[in-house]
């Protein structure tokens, strides 16, 4: 998997990209993580990559020419079929299904914006997609780009130690993950659920499934509404006394 981040701060991407699953994927040679700095392609002595917005207003806007040259340089080093993706508040919400879409491609070029944004013409000329990691404001697109890179890298075959790990993560089936426990059996007066100590793998799998459903219904009812439930799952929700809005026995919503 070839991942390139077009960024004014390549050091930020390079440093954070050395850690965790993404760093392991790079060291294993399963993911190639590179950066391209648009300042390299600026043509003036000051290496200018931004300018004042037409129409007035605060802040600066990233210019077309340096960014476009950087993207085209990245395309030249990337495999055929690589997608150019701009991290943007205007983009579609990045979720696990989008991560799988990207992981199926031979490569992605992530364009990290700065300042007040990117000249819209650059997006029209070069971008294949725009994605947002959430409805909040960040100082730049580097962290969203790293979020995307990490989420995609863990889906590349061979990156995770166990092939099934990615399929058991939160959101893979439209649900949050179940609770997890480890030793000791008691901590702070709270004990591990007995079923997890039973050795009955069928019962454990059933418990994990029902707890994932219950947790999702209480904390993220929007996911349940979007995903829908089977007849069996609806029966479990009825047993939990969780209504369609996500409220439980305590009357609070998730």
Protein backbone atom coordinates (compact mmCIF):
# COMPACT_ATOMS: atom_id res chain seq x y z
CA UNK A 1 0.00 0.00 0.00
CA UNK A 2 1.45 3.33 -1.07
CA UNK A 3 0.41 6.34 1.07
CA UNK A 4 1.68 9.84 0.32
CA UNK A 5 0.81 12.92 2.37
CA UNK A 6 1.11 16.30 0.65
CA UNK A 7 1.89 18.61 3.56
CA UNK A 8 3.68 21.80 4.56
CA UNK A 9 4.86 19.96 7.69
CA UNK A 10 6.40 16.68 6.52
CA UNK A 11 8.24 16.26 9.83
CA UNK A 12 4.93 15.94 11.70
CA UNK A 13 3.83 13.10 9.44
CA UNK A 14 7.22 11.39 9.44
CA UNK A 15 7.56 11.44 13.23
CA UNK A 16 4.04 10.25 14.08
CA UNK A 17 4.15 7.74 11.25
CA UNK A 18 6.94 5.85 13.02
CA UNK A 19 4.73 4.63 15.86
CA UNK A 20 1.99 2.05 16.42
CA UNK A 21 0.45 -0.13 13.75
CA UNK A 22 1.28 2.34 10.98
CA UNK A 23 4.94 2.36 11.96
CA UNK A 24 5.01 -1.44 12.11
CA UNK A 25 3.42 -1.64 8.66
CA UNK A 26 6.10 0.67 7.26
CA UNK A 27 8.91 -1.30 8.89
CA UNK A 28 7.49 -4.56 7.54
CA UNK A 29 7.47 -3.08 4.04
CA UNK A 30 3.72 -3.58 3.74
CA UNK A 31 2.98 0.16 3.64
CA UNK A 32 5.09 2.84 2.02
CA UNK A 33 4.54 6.21 3.73
CA UNK A 34 5.96 9.26 1.99
CA UNK A 35 5.54 13.04 2.13
CA UNK A 36 5.71 15.79 -0.47
CA UNK A 37 6.12 19.42 0.57
CA UNK A 38 4.38 21.97 -1.71
CA UNK A 39 7.00 24.57 -0.75
CA UNK A 40 9.46 22.58 -2.85
CA UNK A 41 7.45 23.61 -5.90
CA UNK A 42 7.00 27.29 -5.06
CA UNK A 43 8.68 29.45 -7.69
CA UNK A 44 9.47 32.64 -5.75
CA UNK A 45 12.36 33.33 -3.42
CA UNK A 46 10.12 33.20 -0.36
CA UNK A 47 8.65 29.79 -1.35
CA UNK A 48 5.14 31.21 -1.06
CA UNK A 49 2.31 28.69 -0.93
CA UNK A 50 -0.56 30.92 0.21
CA UNK A 51 -2.15 34.27 -0.56
CA UNK A 52 -4.98 36.55 0.52
CA UNK A 53 -8.50 35.38 -0.39
CA UNK A 54 -10.38 37.03 -3.23
CA UNK A 55 -13.40 38.85 -1.85
CA UNK A 56 -11.60 39.75 1.35
CA UNK A 57 -11.84 38.11 4.75
CA UNK A 58 -9.44 36.81 7.39
CA UNK A 59 -6.61 34.39 6.90
CA UNK A 60 -4.84 33.04 3.85
CA UNK A 61 -5.71 30.47 1.19
CA UNK A 62 -3.37 27.79 -0.18
CA UNK A 63 -2.45 28.51 -3.80
CA UNK A 64 -3.20 26.22 -6.74
CA UNK A 65 0.21 26.02 -8.42
CA UNK A 66 2.49 24.68 -5.67
CA UNK A 67 -0.14 22.23 -4.44
CA UNK A 68 -0.93 21.00 -7.93
CA UNK A 69 2.75 20.46 -8.73
CA UNK A 70 3.19 18.56 -5.45
CA UNK A 71 0.21 16.32 -6.17
CA UNK A 72 1.38 15.61 -9.70
CA UNK A 73 4.84 14.75 -8.39
CA UNK A 74 3.23 12.37 -5.89
CA UNK A 75 1.15 10.80 -8.67
CA UNK A 76 4.33 10.20 -10.64
CA UNK A 77 5.76 8.06 -7.83
CA UNK A 78 2.51 6.27 -6.94
CA UNK A 79 0.98 3.15 -8.51
CA UNK A 80 -1.67 3.45 -11.22
CA UNK A 81 -5.11 3.78 -9.69
CA UNK A 82 -3.94 5.86 -6.74
CA UNK A 83 -6.65 8.22 -5.46
CA UNK A 84 -6.08 11.85 -4.44
CA UNK A 85 -8.02 12.62 -1.26
CA UNK A 86 -8.26 16.04 0.36
CA UNK A 87 -8.89 16.19 4.10
CA UNK A 88 -11.63 18.78 4.40
CA UNK A 89 -14.51 19.78 6.67
CA UNK A 90 -16.64 19.73 3.52
CA UNK A 91 -15.81 16.11 2.76
CA UNK A 92 -17.85 13.00 3.37
CA UNK A 93 -17.49 11.50 6.82
CA UNK A 94 -14.56 9.11 7.07
CA UNK A 95 -15.70 5.85 8.64
CA UNK A 96 -14.74 2.18 8.55
CA UNK A 97 -16.50 1.51 5.25
CA UNK A 98 -14.56 4.37 3.63
CA UNK A 99 -11.35 2.97 5.14
CA UNK A 100 -12.05 -0.36 3.43
CA UNK A 101 -12.68 1.46 0.12
CA UNK A 102 -9.30 3.14 0.36
CA UNK A 103 -7.52 -0.04 1.47
CA UNK A 104 -8.71 -1.72 -1.73
CA UNK A 105 -6.81 0.84 -3.83
CA UNK A 106 -3.11 0.44 -4.67
CA UNK A 107 -2.39 3.80 -3.09
CA UNK A 108 -3.76 7.06 -1.75
CA UNK A 109 -2.43 10.62 -1.83
CA UNK A 110 -3.71 12.60 1.14
CA UNK A 111 -3.66 16.38 0.76
CA UNK A 112 -3.40 18.18 4.09
CA UNK A 113 -4.74 21.72 3.94
CA UNK A 114 -3.74 24.66 6.13
CA UNK A 115 -4.80 28.23 6.86
CA UNK A 116 -8.35 29.14 5.78
CA UNK A 117 -8.42 26.35 3.23
CA UNK A 118 -7.39 25.36 -0.29
CA UNK A 119 -8.23 27.20 -3.50
CA UNK A 120 -11.35 25.42 -4.76
CA UNK A 121 -9.90 25.11 -8.24
CA UNK A 122 -7.18 22.78 -6.93
CA UNK A 123 -9.86 20.45 -5.59
CA UNK A 124 -11.76 20.53 -8.88
CA UNK A 125 -8.60 19.89 -10.90
CA UNK A 126 -6.87 17.22 -8.84
CA UNK A 127 -8.99 15.69 -6.08
CA UNK A 128 -10.84 12.39 -6.46
CA UNK A 129 -12.50 12.68 -3.06
CA UNK A 130 -12.75 14.80 0.09
CA UNK A 131 -13.11 13.30 3.56
CA UNK A 132 -13.71 14.70 7.03
CA UNK A 133 -12.89 12.93 10.30
CA UNK A 134 -15.51 14.88 12.26
CA UNK A 135 -17.40 18.09 12.80
CA UNK A 136 -14.77 20.17 14.57
CA UNK A 137 -11.96 22.53 13.60
CA UNK A 138 -8.27 21.59 13.56
CA UNK A 139 -5.26 23.76 12.73
CA UNK A 140 -4.37 21.69 9.69
CA UNK A 141 -4.98 18.51 7.75
CA UNK A 142 -1.94 16.57 8.95
CA UNK A 143 -3.67 14.89 11.89
CA UNK A 144 -6.72 13.89 9.80
CA UNK A 145 -4.36 12.54 7.14
CA UNK A 146 -2.57 10.44 9.76
CA UNK A 147 -5.92 9.20 11.12
CA UNK A 148 -6.86 8.07 7.62
CA UNK A 149 -3.43 6.52 7.01
CA UNK A 150 -3.54 4.58 10.28
CA UNK A 151 -7.08 3.31 9.73
CA UNK A 152 -6.26 2.21 6.18
CA UNK A 153 -2.87 0.67 7.01
CA UNK A 154 -4.32 -1.73 9.59
CA UNK A 155 -6.56 -3.19 6.86
CA UNK A 156 -3.66 -4.06 4.57
CA UNK A 157 -3.17 -7.86 4.60
CA UNK A 158 -0.36 -8.92 6.92
CA UNK A 159 -0.19 -5.68 8.91
CA UNK A 160 -2.05 -6.94 11.98
CA UNK A 161 -0.67 -9.93 13.84
CA UNK A 162 -3.94 -11.82 13.50
CA UNK A 163 -5.89 -11.62 10.25
CA UNK A 164 -9.18 -11.64 12.15
CA UNK A 165 -8.26 -8.64 14.31
CA UNK A 166 -9.41 -6.01 11.83
CA UNK A 167 -12.72 -7.79 11.29
CA UNK A 168 -13.41 -7.76 15.03
CA UNK A 169 -12.75 -4.06 15.52
CA UNK A 170 -15.43 -1.54 16.42
CA UNK A 171 -17.68 -0.49 13.50
CA UNK A 172 -16.82 -3.53 11.37
CA UNK A 173 -20.42 -4.76 11.66
CA UNK A 174 -21.86 -1.33 12.28
CA UNK A 175 -21.57 -1.83 16.05
CA UNK A 176 -19.27 -0.61 18.77
CA UNK A 177 -16.89 -3.16 20.26
CA UNK A 178 -17.81 -5.24 23.30
CA UNK A 179 -16.17 -4.59 26.71
CA UNK A 180 -12.74 -6.14 27.24
CA UNK A 181 -11.14 -7.50 30.43
CA UNK A 182 -7.77 -8.89 31.49
CA UNK A 183 -6.09 -10.05 34.71
CA UNK A 184 -6.65 -9.77 37.65
CA UNK A 185 -10.15 -11.20 37.99
CA UNK A 186 -11.08 -8.48 40.49
CA UNK A 187 -10.06 -4.81 40.37
CA UNK A 188 -11.50 -2.04 42.54
CA UNK A 189 -14.22 -4.37 43.77
CA UNK A 190 -15.36 -5.17 40.22
CA UNK A 191 -15.11 -8.70 38.84
CA UNK A 192 -14.71 -10.03 35.31
CA UNK A 193 -18.05 -11.31 33.93
CA UNK A 194 -18.21 -15.05 34.78
CA UNK A 195 -18.95 -16.08 31.19
CA UNK A 196 -15.47 -14.94 30.15
CA UNK A 197 -13.95 -17.37 32.67
CA UNK A 198 -16.18 -20.28 31.65
CA UNK A 199 -14.12 -21.60 28.74
CA UNK A 200 -17.35 -21.97 26.75
CA UNK A 201 -16.37 -20.32 23.46
CA UNK A 202 -19.92 -20.34 22.10
CA UNK A 203 -21.27 -18.63 25.21
CA UNK A 204 -18.41 -16.13 25.15
CA UNK A 205 -19.05 -15.26 21.50
CA UNK A 206 -22.76 -14.81 22.25
CA UNK A 207 -22.03 -12.58 25.24
CA UNK A 208 -19.64 -10.42 23.24
CA UNK A 209 -22.18 -10.04 20.46
CA UNK A 210 -25.01 -9.08 22.80
CA UNK A 211 -22.81 -6.65 24.76
CA UNK A 212 -21.68 -4.96 21.53
CA UNK A 213 -25.32 -4.57 20.55
CA UNK A 214 -26.32 -3.24 23.97
CA UNK A 215 -23.41 -0.80 24.12
CA UNK A 216 -24.13 0.51 20.64
CA UNK A 217 -27.85 0.94 21.30
CA UNK A 218 -27.21 2.89 24.49
CA UNK A 219 -24.24 4.99 23.41
CA UNK A 220 -24.66 5.36 19.65
CA UNK A 221 -28.31 4.76 18.74
CA UNK A 222 -27.64 6.56 15.46
CA UNK A 223 -25.52 3.57 14.39
CA UNK A 224 -28.35 1.19 15.17
CA UNK A 225 -30.83 3.28 13.18
CA UNK A 226 -28.45 3.44 10.23
CA UNK A 227 -27.55 -0.25 10.34
CA UNK A 228 -30.87 -1.80 11.30
CA UNK A 229 -31.26 -4.95 13.38
CA UNK A 230 -32.22 -8.56 12.79
CA UNK A 231 -35.23 -10.14 14.47
CA UNK A 232 -32.89 -11.86 16.92
CA UNK A 233 -31.11 -8.61 17.71
CA UNK A 234 -34.39 -6.80 18.23
CA UNK A 235 -35.31 -9.49 20.72
CA UNK A 236 -32.11 -8.80 22.61
CA UNK A 237 -32.82 -5.08 22.61
CA UNK A 238 -36.30 -5.80 23.97
CA UNK A 239 -34.72 -7.91 26.72
CA UNK A 240 -32.38 -5.03 27.51
CA UNK A 241 -35.40 -2.69 27.58
CA UNK A 242 -33.65 -0.35 25.17
CA UNK A 243 -36.01 1.68 23.07
CA UNK A 244 -35.49 2.88 19.49
CA UNK A 245 -33.94 6.13 20.73
CA UNK A 246 -31.26 4.32 22.70
CA UNK A 247 -32.70 4.75 26.20
CA UNK A 248 -32.20 1.97 28.73
CA UNK A 249 -33.55 0.97 32.12
CA UNK A 250 -32.08 4.06 33.75
CA UNK A 251 -33.99 6.30 31.36
CA UNK A 252 -30.85 7.92 30.01
CA UNK A 253 -30.00 8.02 26.35
CA UNK A 254 -26.74 6.74 24.92
